[in-house]
PDB file of N, CA and C in Angstrom:
ATOM      1  N   MET A   1      -9.367   8.690 -12.233  1.00  0.00           N
ATOM      2  CA  MET A   1     -10.012   9.692 -11.677  1.00  0.00           C
ATOM      3  C   MET A   1     -11.069   9.399 -10.674  1.00  0.00           C
ATOM      4  N   GLY A   2     -10.708  10.571  -9.768  1.00  0.00           N
ATOM      5  CA  GLY A   2     -11.846  10.465  -8.430  1.00  0.00           C
ATOM      6  C   GLY A   2     -11.779   9.109  -7.590  1.00  0.00           C
ATOM      7  N   VAL A   3     -10.664   8.931  -7.620  1.00  0.00           N
ATOM      8  CA  VAL A   3     -10.115   7.367  -6.900  1.00  0.00           C
ATOM      9  C   VAL A   3      -9.868   7.457  -5.558  1.00  0.00           C
ATOM     10  N   ASP A   4     -10.654   6.612  -4.562  1.00  0.00           N
ATOM     11  CA  ASP A   4     -10.481   7.166  -3.016  1.00  0.00           C
ATOM     12  C   ASP A   4      -9.182   5.911  -2.373  1.00  0.00           C
ATOM     13  N   ALA A   5      -8.225   6.410  -2.239  1.00  0.00           N
ATOM     14  CA  ALA A   5      -7.248   5.118  -2.025  1.00  0.00           C
ATOM     15  C   ALA A   5      -6.661   5.703  -0.591  1.00  0.00           C
ATOM     16  N   ALA A   6      -7.483   6.410   0.278  1.00  0.00           N
ATOM     17  CA  ALA A   6      -7.140   6.780   1.534  1.00  0.00           C
ATOM     18  C   ALA A   6      -6.819   5.861   2.707  1.00  0.00           C
ATOM     19  N   GLU A   7      -5.502   5.797   3.179  1.00  0.00           N
ATOM     20  CA  GLU A   7      -4.852   4.946   4.122  1.00  0.00           C
ATOM     21  C   GLU A   7      -4.281   3.702   3.719  1.00  0.00           C
ATOM     22  N   SER A   8      -4.215   3.779   2.594  1.00  0.00           N
ATOM     23  CA  SER A   8      -3.734   2.283   1.554  1.00  0.00           C
ATOM     24  C   SER A   8      -2.090   2.279   1.597  1.00  0.00           C
ATOM     25  N   THR A   9      -1.515   1.019   1.353  1.00  0.00           N
ATOM     26  CA  THR A   9      -0.378   1.015   1.211  1.00  0.00           C
ATOM     27  C   THR A   9       0.120   0.550  -0.221  1.00  0.00           C
ATOM     28  N   TRP A  10       1.451   1.412  -0.432  1.00  0.00           N
ATOM     29  CA  TRP A  10       2.125   1.118  -2.034  1.00  0.00           C
ATOM     30  C   TRP A  10       3.100   0.751  -1.903  1.00  0.00           C
ATOM     31  N   PRO A  11       3.763  -0.555  -1.816  1.00  0.00           N
ATOM     32  CA  PRO A  11       5.077  -1.041  -1.821  1.00  0.00           C
ATOM     33  C   PRO A  11       5.461  -1.299  -3.192  1.00  0.00           C
ATOM     34  N   ASP A  12       6.923  -0.942  -3.250  1.00  0.00           N
ATOM     35  CA  ASP A  12       7.526  -1.045  -4.530  1.00  0.00           C
ATOM     36  C   ASP A  12       6.755  -0.898  -5.967  1.00  0.00           C
ATOM     37  N   GLY A  13       6.884   0.213  -6.554  1.00  0.00           N
ATOM     38  CA  GLY A  13       6.066   0.304  -7.846  1.00  0.00           C
ATOM     39  C   GLY A  13       6.277   1.469  -8.522  1.00  0.00           C
ATOM     40  N   THR A  14       6.248   1.406  -9.559  1.00  0.00           N
ATOM     41  CA  THR A  14       6.854   2.663 -10.889  1.00  0.00           C
ATOM     42  C   THR A  14       5.413   3.222 -11.228  1.00  0.00           C
ATOM     43  N   ILE A  15       5.225   4.246 -11.636  1.00  0.00           N
ATOM     44  CA  ILE A  15       3.699   4.757 -12.123  1.00  0.00           C
ATOM     45  C   ILE A  15       4.615   5.604 -13.283  1.00  0.00           C
ATOM     46  N   THR A  16       4.296   5.293 -14.472  1.00  0.00           N
ATOM     47  CA  THR A  16       4.866   6.088 -15.742  1.00  0.00           C
ATOM     48  C   THR A  16       4.012   6.790 -16.733  1.00  0.00           C
ATOM     49  N   ALA A  17       4.339   7.856 -16.803  1.00  0.00           N
ATOM     50  CA  ALA A  17       3.153   8.573 -17.828  1.00  0.00           C
ATOM     51  C   ALA A  17       1.710   8.424 -17.542  1.00  0.00           C
ATOM     52  N   GLY A  18       1.694   8.516 -15.995  1.00  0.00           N
ATOM     53  CA  GLY A  18       0.125   8.226 -15.731  1.00  0.00           C
ATOM     54  C   GLY A  18      -0.515   9.721 -15.191  1.00  0.00           C
ATOM     55  N   ILE A  19      -1.710  10.019 -15.507  1.00  0.00           N
ATOM     56  CA  ILE A  19      -2.507  11.074 -14.876  1.00  0.00           C
ATOM     57  C   ILE A  19      -3.447  10.696 -13.315  1.00  0.00           C
ATOM     58  N   TRP A  20      -2.903  11.379 -12.497  1.00  0.00           N
ATOM     59  CA  TRP A  20      -3.684  11.026 -11.371  1.00  0.00           C
ATOM     60  C   TRP A  20      -4.475  12.206 -11.161  1.00  0.00           C
ATOM     61  N   ALA A  21      -5.771  12.302 -11.253  1.00  0.00           N
ATOM     62  CA  ALA A  21      -6.731  13.391 -11.389  1.00  0.00           C
ATOM     63  C   ALA A  21      -7.787  13.303 -10.205  1.00  0.00           C
ATOM     64  N   GLY A  22      -8.058  14.074  -9.073  1.00  0.00           N
ATOM     65  CA  GLY A  22      -9.078  13.830  -8.089  1.00  0.00           C
ATOM     66  C   GLY A  22      -8.775  12.488  -7.164  1.00  0.00           C
ATOM     67  N   VAL A  23      -7.359  12.246  -6.981  1.00  0.00           N
ATOM     68  CA  VAL A  23      -6.929  11.006  -6.167  1.00  0.00           C
ATOM     69  C   VAL A  23      -6.863  11.429  -4.811  1.00  0.00           C
ATOM     70  N   GLU A  24      -7.497  10.917  -3.859  1.00  0.00           N
ATOM     71  CA  GLU A  24      -7.365  10.764  -2.491  1.00  0.00           C
ATOM     72  C   GLU A  24      -6.563   9.838  -1.920  1.00  0.00           C
ATOM     73  N   THR A  25      -5.286  10.184  -1.024  1.00  0.00           N
ATOM     74  CA  THR A  25      -4.402   9.094  -0.884  1.00  0.00           C
ATOM     75  C   THR A  25      -3.955   9.754   0.659  1.00  0.00           C
ATOM     76  N   HIS A  26      -4.608  10.313   1.455  1.00  0.00           N
ATOM     77  CA  HIS A  26      -4.656  11.082   2.275  1.00  0.00           C
ATOM     78  C   HIS A  26      -4.299   9.902   3.442  1.00  0.00           C
ATOM     79  N   GLY A  27      -3.113  10.043   4.132  1.00  0.00           N
ATOM     80  CA  GLY A  27      -3.076   8.882   5.315  1.00  0.00           C
ATOM     81  C   GLY A  27      -2.757   7.441   4.886  1.00  0.00           C
ATOM     82  N   ALA A  28      -1.901   7.494   3.559  1.00  0.00           N
ATOM     83  CA  ALA A  28      -1.360   6.494   2.843  1.00  0.00           C
ATOM     84  C   ALA A  28      -0.117   6.239   3.030  1.00  0.00           C
ATOM     85  N   GLU A  29       0.573   5.214   2.658  1.00  0.00           N
ATOM     86  CA  GLU A  29       1.884   5.239   2.894  1.00  0.00           C
ATOM     87  C   GLU A  29       2.298   4.493   1.591  1.00  0.00           C
ATOM     88  N   PHE A  30       3.758   5.406   0.940  1.00  0.00           N
ATOM     89  CA  PHE A  30       4.101   5.114  -0.505  1.00  0.00           C
ATOM     90  C   PHE A  30       5.435   4.702   0.155  1.00  0.00           C
ATOM     91  N   ARG A  31       6.129   3.250  -0.103  1.00  0.00           N
ATOM     92  CA  ARG A  31       7.446   2.908  -0.260  1.00  0.00           C
ATOM     93  C   ARG A  31       8.028   2.446  -1.140  1.00  0.00           C
ATOM     94  N   ARG A  32       9.585   2.735  -1.433  1.00  0.00           N
ATOM     95  CA  ARG A  32      10.154   2.483  -2.683  1.00  0.00           C
ATOM     96  C   ARG A  32       9.075   2.713  -3.993  1.00  0.00           C
ATOM     97  N   ILE A  33       8.357   3.915  -4.280  1.00  0.00           N
ATOM     98  CA  ILE A  33       7.397   4.477  -5.204  1.00  0.00           C
ATOM     99  C   ILE A  33       8.314   5.407  -6.102  1.00  0.00           C
ATOM    100  N   VAL A  34       8.325   5.072  -7.481  1.00  0.00           N
ATOM    101  CA  VAL A  34       8.787   6.348  -8.499  1.00  0.00           C
ATOM    102  C   VAL A  34       7.644   6.658  -9.427  1.00  0.00           C
ATOM    103  N   PHE A  35       7.389   7.822  -9.351  1.00  0.00           N
ATOM    104  CA  PHE A  35       6.274   8.818 -10.229  1.00  0.00           C
ATOM    105  C   PHE A  35       7.317   9.173 -11.373  1.00  0.00           C
ATOM    106  N   HIS A  36       6.930   8.895 -12.475  1.00  0.00           N
ATOM    107  CA  HIS A  36       8.139   9.202 -13.582  1.00  0.00           C
ATOM    108  C   HIS A  36       7.036   9.603 -14.575  1.00  0.00           C
ATOM    109  N   GLN A  37       7.310  11.096 -15.325  1.00  0.00           N
ATOM    110  CA  GLN A  37       6.680  11.354 -16.432  1.00  0.00           C
ATOM    111  C   GLN A  37       4.764  11.541 -16.239  1.00  0.00           C
ATOM    112  N   CYS A  38       4.411  11.940 -14.666  1.00  0.00           N
ATOM    113  CA  CYS A  38       3.085  11.698 -14.508  1.00  0.00           C
ATOM    114  C   CYS A  38       2.353  13.491 -14.297  1.00  0.00           C
ATOM    115  N   GLU A  39       1.540  13.170 -14.305  1.00  0.00           N
ATOM    116  CA  GLU A  39       0.509  14.356 -13.965  1.00  0.00           C
ATOM    117  C   GLU A  39      -0.291  14.434 -12.691  1.00  0.00           C
ATOM    118  N   LEU A  40      -0.019  15.031 -11.592  1.00  0.00           N
ATOM    119  CA  LEU A  40      -0.901  14.805 -10.480  1.00  0.00           C
ATOM    120  C   LEU A  40      -1.589  16.243 -10.292  1.00  0.00           C
ATOM    121  N   ASP A  41      -2.984  16.056 -10.478  1.00  0.00           N
ATOM    122  CA  ASP A  41      -4.059  17.400 -10.450  1.00  0.00           C
ATOM    123  C   ASP A  41      -5.285  17.096 -10.095  1.00  0.00           C
ATOM    124  N   PRO A  42      -5.596  17.506  -9.172  1.00  0.00           N
ATOM    125  CA  PRO A  42      -5.415  17.825  -7.858  1.00  0.00           C
ATOM    126  C   PRO A  42      -5.139  16.341  -7.169  1.00  0.00           C
ATOM    127  N   VAL A  43      -4.263  16.501  -6.209  1.00  0.00           N
ATOM    128  CA  VAL A  43      -4.084  15.098  -5.755  1.00  0.00           C
ATOM    129  C   VAL A  43      -3.834  15.208  -4.010  1.00  0.00           C
ATOM    130  N   ASN A  44      -4.884  14.473  -3.313  1.00  0.00           N
ATOM    131  CA  ASN A  44      -4.540  14.854  -1.473  1.00  0.00           C
ATOM    132  C   ASN A  44      -3.337  13.756  -1.173  1.00  0.00           C
ATOM    133  N   LEU A  45      -2.458  14.353  -0.778  1.00  0.00           N
ATOM    134  CA  LEU A  45      -1.466  13.500  -0.348  1.00  0.00           C
ATOM    135  C   LEU A  45      -0.906  14.027   1.328  1.00  0.00           C
ATOM    136  N   ARG A  46      -2.493  14.495   1.765  1.00  0.00           N
ATOM    137  CA  ARG A  46      -2.102  14.961   3.301  1.00  0.00           C
ATOM    138  C   ARG A  46      -1.782  14.050   4.249  1.00  0.00           C
ATOM    139  N   ALA A  47      -1.223  13.954   5.160  1.00  0.00           N
ATOM    140  CA  ALA A  47      -0.614  13.253   6.093  1.00  0.00           C
ATOM    141  C   ALA A  47      -0.336  11.798   5.542  1.00  0.00           C
ATOM    142  N   THR A  48       0.044  11.546   4.221  1.00  0.00           N
ATOM    143  CA  THR A  48       0.973  10.719   3.630  1.00  0.00           C
ATOM    144  C   THR A  48       2.260  10.495   4.045  1.00  0.00           C
ATOM    145  N   THR A  49       2.787   9.404   4.213  1.00  0.00           N
ATOM    146  CA  THR A  49       4.182   8.859   4.332  1.00  0.00           C
ATOM    147  C   THR A  49       4.854   8.422   3.217  1.00  0.00           C
ATOM    148  N   LEU A  50       5.990   9.190   2.766  1.00  0.00           N
ATOM    149  CA  LEU A  50       6.490   8.600   1.611  1.00  0.00           C
ATOM    150  C   LEU A  50       7.763   8.420   1.755  1.00  0.00           C
ATOM    151  N   ARG A  51       8.231   6.771   1.572  1.00  0.00           N
ATOM    152  CA  ARG A  51       9.657   6.279   2.213  1.00  0.00           C
ATOM    153  C   ARG A  51      10.416   6.173   0.804  1.00  0.00           C
ATOM    154  N   ASN A  52      11.502   6.542   0.513  1.00  0.00           N
ATOM    155  CA  ASN A  52      12.224   6.682  -0.628  1.00  0.00           C
ATOM    156  C   ASN A  52      11.377   6.567  -1.792  1.00  0.00           C
ATOM    157  N   ALA A  53      10.129   7.720  -2.007  1.00  0.00           N
ATOM    158  CA  ALA A  53       9.825   7.711  -3.256  1.00  0.00           C
ATOM    159  C   ALA A  53      10.584   8.796  -4.126  1.00  0.00           C
ATOM    160  N   THR A  54      10.323   8.794  -5.216  1.00  0.00           N
ATOM    161  CA  THR A  54      10.962   9.538  -6.139  1.00  0.00           C
ATOM    162  C   THR A  54       9.834  10.345  -7.152  1.00  0.00           C
ATOM    163  N   VAL A  55       9.805  11.441  -7.346  1.00  0.00           N
ATOM    164  CA  VAL A  55       8.968  12.010  -8.379  1.00  0.00           C
ATOM    165  C   VAL A  55      10.157  12.933  -9.331  1.00  0.00           C
ATOM    166  N   ALA A  56       9.981  12.271 -10.834  1.00  0.00           N
ATOM    167  CA  ALA A  56      11.031  12.600 -11.639  1.00  0.00           C
ATOM    168  C   ALA A  56       9.994  12.972 -12.932  1.00  0.00           C
ATOM    169  N   ASP A  57      10.404  14.350 -13.486  1.00  0.00           N
ATOM    170  CA  ASP A  57       9.804  14.955 -14.519  1.00  0.00           C
ATOM    171  C   ASP A  57       8.123  14.876 -14.515  1.00  0.00           C
ATOM    172  N   CYS A  58       7.815  15.190 -13.267  1.00  0.00           N
ATOM    173  CA  CYS A  58       6.336  15.314 -13.057  1.00  0.00           C
ATOM    174  C   CYS A  58       5.660  16.639 -13.404  1.00  0.00           C
ATOM    175  N   LEU A  59       4.546  16.762 -13.762  1.00  0.00           N
ATOM    176  CA  LEU A  59       3.642  17.986 -13.325  1.00  0.00           C
ATOM    177  C   LEU A  59       2.905  17.748 -11.904  1.00  0.00           C
ATOM    178  N   LEU A  60       2.951  18.793 -11.180  1.00  0.00           N
ATOM    179  CA  LEU A  60       1.903  18.922  -9.934  1.00  0.00           C
ATOM    180  C   LEU A  60       1.332  20.282  -9.930  1.00  0.00           C
ATOM    181  N   ARG A  61       0.177  19.952 -10.054  1.00  0.00           N
ATOM    182  CA  ARG A  61      -0.773  21.265  -9.717  1.00  0.00           C
ATOM    183  C   ARG A  61      -2.139  20.767  -8.526  1.00  0.00           C
ATOM    184  N   ASP A  62      -2.005  21.947  -7.656  1.00  0.00           N
ATOM    185  CA  ASP A  62      -2.611  21.684  -6.816  1.00  0.00           C
ATOM    186  C   ASP A  62      -2.543  20.197  -5.775  1.00  0.00           C
ATOM    187  N   VAL A  63      -1.404  20.000  -5.552  1.00  0.00           N
ATOM    188  CA  VAL A  63      -1.090  18.657  -4.736  1.00  0.00           C
ATOM    189  C   VAL A  63      -0.924  19.117  -3.317  1.00  0.00           C
ATOM    190  N   ASP A  64      -1.865  18.483  -2.448  1.00  0.00           N
ATOM    191  CA  ASP A  64      -1.689  18.737  -0.905  1.00  0.00           C
ATOM    192  C   ASP A  64      -0.927  18.031  -0.039  1.00  0.00           C
ATOM    193  N   PHE A  65       0.297  18.463   0.494  1.00  0.00           N
ATOM    194  CA  PHE A  65       1.471  17.797   0.722  1.00  0.00           C
ATOM    195  C   PHE A  65       1.394  17.955   2.148  1.00  0.00           C
ATOM    196  N   GLY A  66       0.205  18.765   2.794  1.00  0.00           N
ATOM    197  CA  GLY A  66       0.251  19.196   4.356  1.00  0.00           C
ATOM    198  C   GLY A  66       0.287  17.908   5.305  1.00  0.00           C
ATOM    199  N   GLN A  67       0.896  18.034   5.914  1.00  0.00           N
ATOM    200  CA  GLN A  67       1.505  16.992   7.284  1.00  0.00           C
ATOM    201  C   GLN A  67       2.004  16.086   6.607  1.00  0.00           C
ATOM    202  N   ALA A  68       2.489  15.663   5.425  1.00  0.00           N
ATOM    203  CA  ALA A  68       3.176  14.581   5.026  1.00  0.00           C
ATOM    204  C   ALA A  68       4.476  14.457   5.409  1.00  0.00           C
ATOM    205  N   HIS A  69       5.109  13.370   5.457  1.00  0.00           N
ATOM    206  CA  HIS A  69       6.421  12.654   6.336  1.00  0.00           C
ATOM    207  C   HIS A  69       7.054  11.992   4.866  1.00  0.00           C
TER     208      HIS A  69
END
């Protein structure tokens, strides 16, 4: 909770049944990432690059995808 991962790189991973609350990942790059059965509330994904990312069976509340690619 409350993690600042801005401008970080996340290659090849699966996040299962996790709760992301107050996570700052603006400007980050997610490659081949799978979010499965996660809760994201609130998460800042502004200007984040998502390549081959999958969001499956997740609860998204107040997620900011502004200017994301």
